[in-house]
Structures are given as C-alpha cells and as structure tokens.
C-alpha cells in the first residue's frame, strides 16, 4: 500500500476543512483540527456526524490494508477477507458520497 497514516490524516483534515468552510468558517485551513471539529459540531450536527462516519470508514479501510500488508497477504486474500475488504470500500465510498452531498448543499445555502 502506498498510503501512510499521514496521508490518511491529510485526507481527513482536508475533508474537515472543507466541511468547516461549508458552514461558514472563514480560513478553515488555518485552524487546527480540534478547533474545526468543535466549530462544525456546534454549527451543523448532521455534517459533523457525517464527517465522523467518513473519517472512521476511511481509517477502517486503511487499517485493514495495513493488516493485510503486515500479514503478507496482498493479492492473496481469502473469500471472507475479500468480502470484508469490499464492505470497507463500500462504507468508505458511501460515507464520502453522502458527506460531499451535504457539503455541496451547505455551500449552496
């Protein structure tokens, strides 16, 4: 896997900043993630919950890839492992799609 934990953190933080901007926080990229989390949670609870779901799903997908890599099982997963990975991918993709839709809606208001 070519992603690192730093890349995962960057994806989650960029999504967080985009959510913050969508709810009217100017210059979100200049705030630390904890401050943005606080602001978003207090301004738009639904968006906050969607960001958490996306961040958790993205992290779970990455963590499973790390587990696969440590076990030396790349390209050699069992049927159950493949199903689990597919489930993680679907969760990551569906939460990202839903988050983007709500961000776009918030930005248009």
PDB file of N, CA and C in Angstrom:
ATOM      1  N   UNK A   1       0.851  -1.181   0.000  1.00  0.00           N
ATOM      2  CA  UNK A   1       0.000   0.000   0.000  1.00  0.00           C
ATOM      3  C   UNK A   1       0.886   1.230   0.000  1.00  0.00           C
ATOM      4  N   UNK A   2       0.504   2.183  -0.787  1.00  0.00           N
ATOM      5  CA  UNK A   2       1.327   3.374  -0.934  1.00  0.00           C
ATOM      6  C   UNK A   2       0.900   4.516  -0.022  1.00  0.00           C
ATOM      7  N   UNK A   3      -0.211   4.370   0.642  1.00  0.00           N
ATOM      8  CA  UNK A   3      -0.658   5.401   1.580  1.00  0.00           C
ATOM      9  C   UNK A   3      -0.005   5.193   2.939  1.00  0.00           C
ATOM     10  N   UNK A   4       0.250   6.281   3.626  1.00  0.00           N
ATOM     11  CA  UNK A   4       0.739   6.207   5.001  1.00  0.00           C
ATOM     12  C   UNK A   4      -0.339   6.772   5.928  1.00  0.00           C
ATOM     13  N   UNK A   5      -0.130   6.598   7.210  1.00  0.00           N
ATOM     14  CA  UNK A   5      -1.055   7.171   8.181  1.00  0.00           C
ATOM     15  C   UNK A   5      -1.122   8.688   8.026  1.00  0.00           C
ATOM     16  N   UNK A   6      -0.014   9.299   7.598  1.00  0.00           N
ATOM     17  CA  UNK A   6      -0.003  10.750   7.368  1.00  0.00           C
ATOM     18  C   UNK A   6      -0.919  11.131   6.206  1.00  0.00           C
ATOM     19  N   UNK A   7      -0.940  10.309   5.174  1.00  0.00           N
ATOM     20  CA  UNK A   7      -1.842  10.564   4.048  1.00  0.00           C
ATOM     21  C   UNK A   7      -3.298  10.461   4.493  1.00  0.00           C
ATOM     22  N   UNK A   8      -3.584   9.471   5.315  1.00  0.00           N
ATOM     23  CA  UNK A   8      -4.945   9.295   5.829  1.00  0.00           C
ATOM     24  C   UNK A   8      -5.349  10.509   6.655  1.00  0.00           C
ATOM     25  N   UNK A   9      -4.451  10.967   7.518  1.00  0.00           N
ATOM     26  CA  UNK A   9      -4.731  12.156   8.324  1.00  0.00           C
ATOM     27  C   UNK A   9      -4.958  13.371   7.433  1.00  0.00           C
ATOM     28  N   UNK A  10      -4.178  13.486   6.362  1.00  0.00           N
ATOM     29  CA  UNK A  10      -4.334  14.617   5.451  1.00  0.00           C
ATOM     30  C   UNK A  10      -5.699  14.591   4.770  1.00  0.00           C
ATOM     31  N   UNK A  11      -6.124  13.415   4.296  1.00  0.00           N
ATOM     32  CA  UNK A  11      -7.443  13.308   3.659  1.00  0.00           C
ATOM     33  C   UNK A  11      -8.537  13.720   4.644  1.00  0.00           C
ATOM     34  N   UNK A  12      -8.463  13.205   5.861  1.00  0.00           N
ATOM     35  CA  UNK A  12      -9.483  13.533   6.859  1.00  0.00           C
ATOM     36  C   UNK A  12      -9.457  15.019   7.207  1.00  0.00           C
ATOM     37  N   UNK A  13      -8.262  15.608   7.298  1.00  0.00           N
ATOM     38  CA  UNK A  13      -8.171  17.024   7.650  1.00  0.00           C
ATOM     39  C   UNK A  13      -8.622  17.937   6.518  1.00  0.00           C
ATOM     40  N   UNK A  14      -8.355  17.561   5.273  1.00  0.00           N
ATOM     41  CA  UNK A  14      -8.832  18.363   4.138  1.00  0.00           C
ATOM     42  C   UNK A  14     -10.363  18.303   4.092  1.00  0.00           C
ATOM     43  N   UNK A  15     -10.924  17.115   4.297  1.00  0.00           N
ATOM     44  CA  UNK A  15     -12.387  16.991   4.330  1.00  0.00           C
ATOM     45  C   UNK A  15     -12.969  17.812   5.480  1.00  0.00           C
ATOM     46  N   UNK A  16     -12.292  17.804   6.612  1.00  0.00           N
ATOM     47  CA  UNK A  16     -12.742  18.582   7.767  1.00  0.00           C
ATOM     48  C   UNK A  16     -12.737  20.081   7.458  1.00  0.00           C
ATOM     49  N   UNK A  17     -11.669  20.547   6.837  1.00  0.00           N
ATOM     50  CA  UNK A  17     -11.587  21.971   6.469  1.00  0.00           C
ATOM     51  C   UNK A  17     -12.670  22.333   5.459  1.00  0.00           C
ATOM     52  N   UNK A  18     -12.937  21.445   4.523  1.00  0.00           N
ATOM     53  CA  UNK A  18     -13.998  21.707   3.531  1.00  0.00           C
ATOM     54  C   UNK A  18     -15.358  21.794   4.215  1.00  0.00           C
ATOM     55  N   UNK A  19     -15.601  20.913   5.186  1.00  0.00           N
ATOM     56  CA  UNK A  19     -16.851  20.967   5.961  1.00  0.00           C
ATOM     57  C   UNK A  19     -16.951  22.290   6.713  1.00  0.00           C
ATOM     58  N   UNK A  20     -15.850  22.696   7.305  1.00  0.00           N
ATOM     59  CA  UNK A  20     -15.845  23.953   8.061  1.00  0.00           C
ATOM     60  C   UNK A  20     -16.149  25.138   7.155  1.00  0.00           C
ATOM     61  N   UNK A  21     -15.542  25.171   6.002  1.00  0.00           N
ATOM     62  CA  UNK A  21     -15.802  26.240   5.035  1.00  0.00           C
ATOM     63  C   UNK A  21     -17.273  26.233   4.618  1.00  0.00           C
ATOM     64  N   UNK A  22     -17.821  25.039   4.426  1.00  0.00           N
ATOM     65  CA  UNK A  22     -19.222  24.914   4.001  1.00  0.00           C
ATOM     66  C   UNK A  22     -20.188  25.488   5.016  1.00  0.00           C
ATOM     67  N   UNK A  23     -19.824  25.472   6.290  1.00  0.00           N
ATOM     68  CA  UNK A  23     -20.718  26.016   7.327  1.00  0.00           C
ATOM     69  C   UNK A  23     -20.327  27.435   7.730  1.00  0.00           C
ATOM     70  N   UNK A  24     -19.483  28.063   6.913  1.00  0.00           N
ATOM     71  CA  UNK A  24     -19.207  29.484   7.109  1.00  0.00           C
ATOM     72  C   UNK A  24     -18.011  29.828   7.961  1.00  0.00           C
ATOM     73  N   UNK A  25     -17.117  28.900   8.180  1.00  0.00           N
ATOM     74  CA  UNK A  25     -15.903  29.205   8.942  1.00  0.00           C
ATOM     75  C   UNK A  25     -14.844  29.669   7.941  1.00  0.00           C
ATOM     76  N   UNK A  26     -14.532  30.941   8.001  1.00  0.00           N
ATOM     77  CA  UNK A  26     -13.556  31.516   7.072  1.00  0.00           C
ATOM     78  C   UNK A  26     -12.143  31.058   7.422  1.00  0.00           C
ATOM     79  N   UNK A  27     -11.350  30.843   6.394  1.00  0.00           N
ATOM     80  CA  UNK A  27      -9.949  30.450   6.539  1.00  0.00           C
ATOM     81  C   UNK A  27      -9.786  29.192   7.391  1.00  0.00           C
ATOM     82  N   UNK A  28     -10.631  28.216   7.128  1.00  0.00           N
ATOM     83  CA  UNK A  28     -10.623  26.973   7.907  1.00  0.00           C
ATOM     84  C   UNK A  28      -9.263  26.287   7.889  1.00  0.00           C
ATOM     85  N   UNK A  29      -8.544  26.429   6.791  1.00  0.00           N
ATOM     86  CA  UNK A  29      -7.246  25.757   6.680  1.00  0.00           C
ATOM     87  C   UNK A  29      -6.216  26.287   7.673  1.00  0.00           C
ATOM     88  N   UNK A  30      -6.532  27.407   8.331  1.00  0.00           N
ATOM     89  CA  UNK A  30      -5.613  27.980   9.315  1.00  0.00           C
ATOM     90  C   UNK A  30      -5.941  27.566  10.746  1.00  0.00           C
ATOM     91  N   UNK A  31      -6.939  26.715  10.910  1.00  0.00           N
ATOM     92  CA  UNK A  31      -7.325  26.233  12.230  1.00  0.00           C
ATOM     93  C   UNK A  31      -6.856  24.798  12.425  1.00  0.00           C
ATOM     94  N   UNK A  32      -6.574  24.450  13.666  1.00  0.00           N
ATOM     95  CA  UNK A  32      -6.212  23.066  13.960  1.00  0.00           C
ATOM     96  C   UNK A  32      -7.465  22.193  13.903  1.00  0.00           C
ATOM     97  N   UNK A  33      -7.287  20.905  13.649  1.00  0.00           N
ATOM     98  CA  UNK A  33      -8.445  20.014  13.511  1.00  0.00           C
ATOM     99  C   UNK A  33      -9.384  20.008  14.725  1.00  0.00           C
ATOM    100  N   UNK A  34      -8.854  20.073  15.919  1.00  0.00           N
ATOM    101  CA  UNK A  34      -9.734  20.049  17.091  1.00  0.00           C
ATOM    102  C   UNK A  34     -10.652  21.274  17.142  1.00  0.00           C
ATOM    103  N   UNK A  35     -10.126  22.434  16.781  1.00  0.00           N
ATOM    104  CA  UNK A  35     -10.969  23.636  16.740  1.00  0.00           C
ATOM    105  C   UNK A  35     -12.044  23.507  15.683  1.00  0.00           C
ATOM    106  N   UNK A  36     -11.668  22.992  14.512  1.00  0.00           N
ATOM    107  CA  UNK A  36     -12.654  22.816  13.442  1.00  0.00           C
ATOM    108  C   UNK A  36     -13.742  21.835  13.864  1.00  0.00           C
ATOM    109  N   UNK A  37     -13.344  20.751  14.512  1.00  0.00           N
ATOM    110  CA  UNK A  37     -14.322  19.763  14.985  1.00  0.00           C
ATOM    111  C   UNK A  37     -15.323  20.432  15.926  1.00  0.00           C
ATOM    112  N   UNK A  38     -14.837  21.249  16.829  1.00  0.00           N
ATOM    113  CA  UNK A  38     -15.704  21.957  17.769  1.00  0.00           C
ATOM    114  C   UNK A  38     -16.664  22.889  17.028  1.00  0.00           C
ATOM    115  N   UNK A  39     -16.133  23.680  16.097  1.00  0.00           N
ATOM    116  CA  UNK A  39     -16.969  24.627  15.350  1.00  0.00           C
ATOM    117  C   UNK A  39     -18.043  23.913  14.540  1.00  0.00           C
ATOM    118  N   UNK A  40     -17.646  22.872  13.820  1.00  0.00           N
ATOM    119  CA  UNK A  40     -18.602  22.154  12.972  1.00  0.00           C
ATOM    120  C   UNK A  40     -19.671  21.491  13.821  1.00  0.00           C
ATOM    121  N   UNK A  41     -19.270  20.856  14.902  1.00  0.00           N
ATOM    122  CA  UNK A  41     -20.221  20.172  15.780  1.00  0.00           C
ATOM    123  C   UNK A  41     -21.279  21.136  16.294  1.00  0.00           C
ATOM    124  N   UNK A  42     -20.891  22.378  16.557  1.00  0.00           N
ATOM    125  CA  UNK A  42     -21.834  23.366  17.099  1.00  0.00           C
ATOM    126  C   UNK A  42     -22.632  24.095  16.017  1.00  0.00           C
ATOM    127  N   UNK A  43     -22.152  24.083  14.781  1.00  0.00           N
ATOM    128  CA  UNK A  43     -22.861  24.789  13.712  1.00  0.00           C
ATOM    129  C   UNK A  43     -23.759  23.883  12.875  1.00  0.00           C
ATOM    130  N   UNK A  44     -23.385  22.600  12.734  1.00  0.00           N
ATOM    131  CA  UNK A  44     -24.114  21.718  11.820  1.00  0.00           C
ATOM    132  C   UNK A  44     -23.890  20.273  12.267  1.00  0.00           C
ATOM    133  N   UNK A  45     -24.719  19.823  13.193  1.00  0.00           N
ATOM    134  CA  UNK A  45     -24.532  18.498  13.799  1.00  0.00           C
ATOM    135  C   UNK A  45     -24.568  17.370  12.765  1.00  0.00           C
ATOM    136  N   UNK A  46     -25.451  17.484  11.779  1.00  0.00           N
ATOM    137  CA  UNK A  46     -25.531  16.442  10.753  1.00  0.00           C
ATOM    138  C   UNK A  46     -24.226  16.335   9.982  1.00  0.00           C
ATOM    139  N   UNK A  47     -23.670  17.470   9.591  1.00  0.00           N
ATOM    140  CA  UNK A  47     -22.408  17.475   8.860  1.00  0.00           C
ATOM    141  C   UNK A  47     -21.294  16.894   9.719  1.00  0.00           C
ATOM    142  N   UNK A  48     -21.293  17.256  10.985  1.00  0.00           N
ATOM    143  CA  UNK A  48     -20.290  16.723  11.908  1.00  0.00           C
ATOM    144  C   UNK A  48     -20.383  15.198  11.994  1.00  0.00           C
ATOM    145  N   UNK A  49     -21.591  14.682  12.117  1.00  0.00           N
ATOM    146  CA  UNK A  49     -21.772  13.228  12.209  1.00  0.00           C
ATOM    147  C   UNK A  49     -21.365  12.530  10.911  1.00  0.00           C
ATOM    148  N   UNK A  50     -21.646  13.153   9.784  1.00  0.00           N
ATOM    149  CA  UNK A  50     -21.229  12.580   8.503  1.00  0.00           C
ATOM    150  C   UNK A  50     -19.711  12.593   8.350  1.00  0.00           C
ATOM    151  N   UNK A  51     -19.076  13.682   8.781  1.00  0.00           N
ATOM    152  CA  UNK A  51     -17.611  13.718   8.716  1.00  0.00           C
ATOM    153  C   UNK A  51     -17.023  12.617   9.594  1.00  0.00           C
ATOM    154  N   UNK A  52     -17.547  12.443  10.797  1.00  0.00           N
ATOM    155  CA  UNK A  52     -17.048  11.382  11.680  1.00  0.00           C
ATOM    156  C   UNK A  52     -17.221  10.012  11.032  1.00  0.00           C
ATOM    157  N   UNK A  53     -18.377   9.777  10.424  1.00  0.00           N
ATOM    158  CA  UNK A  53     -18.625   8.487   9.768  1.00  0.00           C
ATOM    159  C   UNK A  53     -17.632   8.265   8.628  1.00  0.00           C
ATOM    160  N   UNK A  54     -17.383   9.300   7.826  1.00  0.00           N
ATOM    161  CA  UNK A  54     -16.416   9.194   6.740  1.00  0.00           C
ATOM    162  C   UNK A  54     -15.015   8.948   7.290  1.00  0.00           C
ATOM    163  N   UNK A  55     -14.617   9.730   8.279  1.00  0.00           N
ATOM    164  CA  UNK A  55     -13.270   9.590   8.857  1.00  0.00           C
ATOM    165  C   UNK A  55     -13.074   8.192   9.441  1.00  0.00           C
ATOM    166  N   UNK A  56     -14.076   7.689  10.135  1.00  0.00           N
ATOM    167  CA  UNK A  56     -13.988   6.345  10.714  1.00  0.00           C
ATOM    168  C   UNK A  56     -13.916   5.278   9.625  1.00  0.00           C
ATOM    169  N   UNK A  57     -14.733   5.420   8.581  1.00  0.00           N
ATOM    170  CA  UNK A  57     -14.740   4.447   7.491  1.00  0.00           C
ATOM    171  C   UNK A  57     -13.415   4.472   6.730  1.00  0.00           C
ATOM    172  N   UNK A  58     -12.892   5.658   6.498  1.00  0.00           N
ATOM    173  CA  UNK A  58     -11.622   5.787   5.787  1.00  0.00           C
ATOM    174  C   UNK A  58     -10.502   5.148   6.601  1.00  0.00           C
ATOM    175  N   UNK A  59     -10.517   5.407   7.909  1.00  0.00           N
ATOM    176  CA  UNK A  59      -9.493   4.849   8.789  1.00  0.00           C
ATOM    177  C   UNK A  59      -9.599   3.325   8.847  1.00  0.00           C
ATOM    178  N   UNK A  60     -10.807   2.796   8.938  1.00  0.00           N
ATOM    179  CA  UNK A  60     -11.003   1.344   8.991  1.00  0.00           C
ATOM    180  C   UNK A  60     -10.499   0.679   7.710  1.00  0.00           C
ATOM    181  N   UNK A  61     -10.789   1.282   6.567  1.00  0.00           N
ATOM    182  CA  UNK A  61     -10.308   0.771   5.280  1.00  0.00           C
ATOM    183  C   UNK A  61      -8.783   0.749   5.263  1.00  0.00           C
ATOM    184  N   UNK A  62      -8.159   1.843   5.688  1.00  0.00           N
ATOM    185  CA  UNK A  62      -6.695   1.919   5.717  1.00  0.00           C
ATOM    186  C   UNK A  62      -6.117   0.897   6.690  1.00  0.00           C
ATOM    187  N   UNK A  63      -6.680   0.822   7.882  1.00  0.00           N
ATOM    188  CA  UNK A  63      -6.160  -0.106   8.899  1.00  0.00           C
ATOM    189  C   UNK A  63      -6.200  -1.546   8.410  1.00  0.00           C
ATOM    190  N   UNK A  64      -7.253  -1.907   7.683  1.00  0.00           N
ATOM    191  CA  UNK A  64      -7.341  -3.271   7.164  1.00  0.00           C
ATOM    192  C   UNK A  64      -6.254  -3.525   6.118  1.00  0.00           C
ATOM    193  N   UNK A  65      -5.973  -2.531   5.304  1.00  0.00           N
ATOM    194  CA  UNK A  65      -4.881  -2.669   4.337  1.00  0.00           C
ATOM    195  C   UNK A  65      -3.541  -2.854   5.045  1.00  0.00           C
ATOM    196  N   UNK A  66      -3.325  -2.128   6.125  1.00  0.00           N
ATOM    197  CA  UNK A  66      -2.094  -2.289   6.895  1.00  0.00           C
ATOM    198  C   UNK A  66      -2.007  -3.709   7.449  1.00  0.00           C
ATOM    199  N   UNK A  67      -3.122  -4.197   7.976  1.00  0.00           N
ATOM    200  CA  UNK A  67      -3.178  -5.562   8.498  1.00  0.00           C
ATOM    201  C   UNK A  67      -2.849  -6.586   7.403  1.00  0.00           C
ATOM    202  N   UNK A  68      -3.419  -6.394   6.227  1.00  0.00           N
ATOM    203  CA  UNK A  68      -3.148  -7.280   5.093  1.00  0.00           C
ATOM    204  C   UNK A  68      -1.661  -7.253   4.741  1.00  0.00           C
ATOM    205  N   UNK A  69      -1.117  -6.046   4.692  1.00  0.00           N
ATOM    206  CA  UNK A  69       0.301  -5.891   4.338  1.00  0.00           C
ATOM    207  C   UNK A  69       1.203  -6.566   5.370  1.00  0.00           C
ATOM    208  N   UNK A  70       0.928  -6.348   6.651  1.00  0.00           N
ATOM    209  CA  UNK A  70       1.745  -6.957   7.713  1.00  0.00           C
ATOM    210  C   UNK A  70       1.703  -8.478   7.649  1.00  0.00           C
ATOM    211  N   UNK A  71       0.563  -9.026   7.245  1.00  0.00           N
ATOM    212  CA  UNK A  71       0.416 -10.479   7.136  1.00  0.00           C
ATOM    213  C   UNK A  71       0.977 -11.017   5.822  1.00  0.00           C
ATOM    214  N   UNK A  72       1.415 -10.122   4.929  1.00  0.00           N
ATOM    215  CA  UNK A  72       1.956 -10.541   3.643  1.00  0.00           C
ATOM    216  C   UNK A  72       0.910 -11.154   2.729  1.00  0.00           C
ATOM    217  N   UNK A  73      -0.328 -10.682   2.861  1.00  0.00           N
ATOM    218  CA  UNK A  73      -1.430 -11.295   2.114  1.00  0.00           C
ATOM    219  C   UNK A  73      -1.893 -10.478   0.909  1.00  0.00           C
ATOM    220  N   UNK A  74      -1.134  -9.492   0.491  1.00  0.00           N
ATOM    221  CA  UNK A  74      -1.545  -8.716  -0.671  1.00  0.00           C
ATOM    222  C   UNK A  74      -1.793  -9.670  -1.839  1.00  0.00           C
ATOM    223  N   UNK A  75      -2.873  -9.461  -2.537  1.00  0.00           N
ATOM    224  CA  UNK A  75      -3.256 -10.276  -3.701  1.00  0.00           C
ATOM    225  C   UNK A  75      -3.476 -11.746  -3.364  1.00  0.00           C
ATOM    226  N   UNK A  76      -3.664 -12.058  -2.083  1.00  0.00           N
ATOM    227  CA  UNK A  76      -3.867 -13.451  -1.693  1.00  0.00           C
ATOM    228  C   UNK A  76      -4.868 -13.538  -0.533  1.00  0.00           C
ATOM    229  N   UNK A  77      -5.977 -12.838  -0.651  1.00  0.00           N
ATOM    230  CA  UNK A  77      -6.974 -12.823   0.411  1.00  0.00           C
ATOM    231  C   UNK A  77      -7.932 -13.995   0.272  1.00  0.00           C
ATOM    232  N   UNK A  78      -8.416 -14.454   1.411  1.00  0.00           N
ATOM    233  CA  UNK A  78      -9.460 -15.475   1.391  1.00  0.00           C
ATOM    234  C   UNK A  78     -10.768 -14.826   0.940  1.00  0.00           C
ATOM    235  N   UNK A  79     -11.768 -15.655   0.683  1.00  0.00           N
ATOM    236  CA  UNK A  79     -13.073 -15.121   0.279  1.00  0.00           C
ATOM    237  C   UNK A  79     -13.654 -14.230   1.376  1.00  0.00           C
ATOM    238  N   UNK A  80     -13.525 -14.636   2.631  1.00  0.00           N
ATOM    239  CA  UNK A  80     -14.038 -13.819   3.738  1.00  0.00           C
ATOM    240  C   UNK A  80     -13.293 -12.497   3.851  1.00  0.00           C
ATOM    241  N   UNK A  81     -11.983 -12.541   3.685  1.00  0.00           N
ATOM    242  CA  UNK A  81     -11.182 -11.311   3.750  1.00  0.00           C
ATOM    243  C   UNK A  81     -11.542 -10.379   2.594  1.00  0.00           C
ATOM    244  N   UNK A  82     -11.765 -10.942   1.441  1.00  0.00           N
ATOM    245  CA  UNK A  82     -12.157 -10.134   0.285  1.00  0.00           C
ATOM    246  C   UNK A  82     -13.522  -9.487   0.516  1.00  0.00           C
ATOM    247  N   UNK A  83     -14.454 -10.252   1.059  1.00  0.00           N
ATOM    248  CA  UNK A  83     -15.778  -9.689   1.374  1.00  0.00           C
ATOM    249  C   UNK A  83     -15.662  -8.565   2.397  1.00  0.00           C
ATOM    250  N   UNK A  84     -14.826  -8.769   3.406  1.00  0.00           N
ATOM    251  CA  UNK A  84     -14.641  -7.733   4.429  1.00  0.00           C
ATOM    252  C   UNK A  84     -14.033  -6.470   3.804  1.00  0.00           C
ATOM    253  N   UNK A  85     -13.022  -6.651   2.970  1.00  0.00           N
ATOM    254  CA  UNK A  85     -12.414  -5.500   2.299  1.00  0.00           C
ATOM    255  C   UNK A  85     -13.426  -4.791   1.408  1.00  0.00           C
ATOM    256  N   UNK A  86     -14.213  -5.544   0.666  1.00  0.00           N
ATOM    257  CA  UNK A  86     -15.259  -4.940  -0.176  1.00  0.00           C
ATOM    258  C   UNK A  86     -16.242  -4.132   0.664  1.00  0.00           C
ATOM    259  N   UNK A  87     -16.597  -4.652   1.818  1.00  0.00           N
ATOM    260  CA  UNK A  87     -17.505  -3.947   2.719  1.00  0.00           C
ATOM    261  C   UNK A  87     -16.888  -2.637   3.204  1.00  0.00           C
ATOM    262  N   UNK A  88     -15.607  -2.674   3.529  1.00  0.00           N
ATOM    263  CA  UNK A  88     -14.917  -1.453   3.966  1.00  0.00           C
ATOM    264  C   UNK A  88     -14.838  -0.424   2.845  1.00  0.00           C
ATOM    265  N   UNK A  89     -14.598  -0.880   1.641  1.00  0.00           N
ATOM    266  CA  UNK A  89     -14.543   0.025   0.483  1.00  0.00           C
ATOM    267  C   UNK A  89     -15.913   0.659   0.250  1.00  0.00           C
ATOM    268  N   UNK A  90     -16.965  -0.149   0.307  1.00  0.00           N
ATOM    269  CA  UNK A  90     -18.324   0.390   0.119  1.00  0.00           C
ATOM    270  C   UNK A  90     -18.650   1.422   1.202  1.00  0.00           C
ATOM    271  N   UNK A  91     -18.279   1.128   2.424  1.00  0.00           N
ATOM    272  CA  UNK A  91     -18.542   2.064   3.523  1.00  0.00           C
ATOM    273  C   UNK A  91     -17.772   3.368   3.319  1.00  0.00           C
ATOM    274  N   UNK A  92     -16.499   3.259   2.975  1.00  0.00           N
ATOM    275  CA  UNK A  92     -15.690   4.451   2.712  1.00  0.00           C
ATOM    276  C   UNK A  92     -16.311   5.285   1.598  1.00  0.00           C
ATOM    277  N   UNK A  93     -16.676   4.629   0.504  1.00  0.00           N
ATOM    278  CA  UNK A  93     -17.218   5.348  -0.652  1.00  0.00           C
ATOM    279  C   UNK A  93     -18.588   5.946  -0.380  1.00  0.00           C
ATOM    280  N   UNK A  94     -19.449   5.207   0.301  1.00  0.00           N
ATOM    281  CA  UNK A  94     -20.799   5.719   0.548  1.00  0.00           C
ATOM    282  C   UNK A  94     -20.784   6.874   1.549  1.00  0.00           C
ATOM    283  N   UNK A  95     -19.940   6.792   2.575  1.00  0.00           N
ATOM    284  CA  UNK A  95     -19.878   7.905   3.529  1.00  0.00           C
ATOM    285  C   UNK A  95     -19.262   9.136   2.885  1.00  0.00           C
ATOM    286  N   UNK A  96     -18.276   8.925   2.010  1.00  0.00           N
ATOM    287  CA  UNK A  96     -17.684  10.069   1.297  1.00  0.00           C
ATOM    288  C   UNK A  96     -18.723  10.725   0.394  1.00  0.00           C
ATOM    289  N   UNK A  97     -19.488   9.913  -0.336  1.00  0.00           N
ATOM    290  CA  UNK A  97     -20.512  10.454  -1.235  1.00  0.00           C
ATOM    291  C   UNK A  97     -21.559  11.254  -0.458  1.00  0.00           C
ATOM    292  N   UNK A  98     -22.021  10.699   0.635  1.00  0.00           N
ATOM    293  CA  UNK A  98     -23.027  11.391   1.443  1.00  0.00           C
ATOM    294  C   UNK A  98     -22.468  12.686   2.030  1.00  0.00           C
ATOM    295  N   UNK A  99     -21.237  12.645   2.495  1.00  0.00           N
ATOM    296  CA  UNK A  99     -20.607  13.848   3.037  1.00  0.00           C
ATOM    297  C   UNK A  99     -20.490  14.923   1.966  1.00  0.00           C
ATOM    298  N   UNK A 100     -20.050  14.549   0.783  1.00  0.00           N
ATOM    299  CA  UNK A 100     -19.918  15.526  -0.312  1.00  0.00           C
ATOM    300  C   UNK A 100     -21.268  16.148  -0.644  1.00  0.00           C
ATOM    301  N   UNK A 101     -22.315  15.342  -0.686  1.00  0.00           N
ATOM    302  CA  UNK A 101     -23.645  15.869  -0.987  1.00  0.00           C
ATOM    303  C   UNK A 101     -24.095  16.900   0.038  1.00  0.00           C
ATOM    304  N   UNK A 102     -23.855  16.630   1.318  1.00  0.00           N
ATOM    305  CA  UNK A 102     -24.275  17.567   2.361  1.00  0.00           C
ATOM    306  C   UNK A 102     -23.393  18.819   2.329  1.00  0.00           C
ATOM    307  N   UNK A 103     -22.105  18.667   2.072  1.00  0.00           N
ATOM    308  CA  UNK A 103     -21.225  19.825   1.951  1.00  0.00           C
ATOM    309  C   UNK A 103     -21.688  20.712   0.798  1.00  0.00           C
ATOM    310  N   UNK A 104     -21.971  20.106  -0.350  1.00  0.00           N
ATOM    311  CA  UNK A 104     -22.425  20.896  -1.500  1.00  0.00           C
ATOM    312  C   UNK A 104     -23.735  21.608  -1.195  1.00  0.00           C
ATOM    313  N   UNK A 105     -24.633  20.953  -0.486  1.00  0.00           N
ATOM    314  CA  UNK A 105     -25.902  21.577  -0.114  1.00  0.00           C
ATOM    315  C   UNK A 105     -25.651  22.747   0.847  1.00  0.00           C
ATOM    316  N   UNK A 106     -24.785  22.554   1.822  1.00  0.00           N
ATOM    317  CA  UNK A 106     -24.482  23.621   2.784  1.00  0.00           C
ATOM    318  C   UNK A 106     -23.825  24.807   2.078  1.00  0.00           C
ATOM    319  N   UNK A 107     -22.975  24.524   1.115  1.00  0.00           N
ATOM    320  CA  UNK A 107     -22.301  25.608   0.376  1.00  0.00           C
ATOM    321  C   UNK A 107     -23.267  26.403  -0.489  1.00  0.00           C
ATOM    322  N   UNK A 108     -24.325  25.747  -0.949  1.00  0.00           N
ATOM    323  CA  UNK A 108     -25.277  26.449  -1.822  1.00  0.00           C
ATOM    324  C   UNK A 108     -26.285  27.295  -1.040  1.00  0.00           C
ATOM    325  N   UNK A 109     -26.305  27.146   0.256  1.00  0.00           N
ATOM    326  CA  UNK A 109     -27.240  27.947   1.089  1.00  0.00           C
ATOM    327  C   UNK A 109     -26.605  29.195   1.634  1.00  0.00           C
TER     328      UNK A 109
END
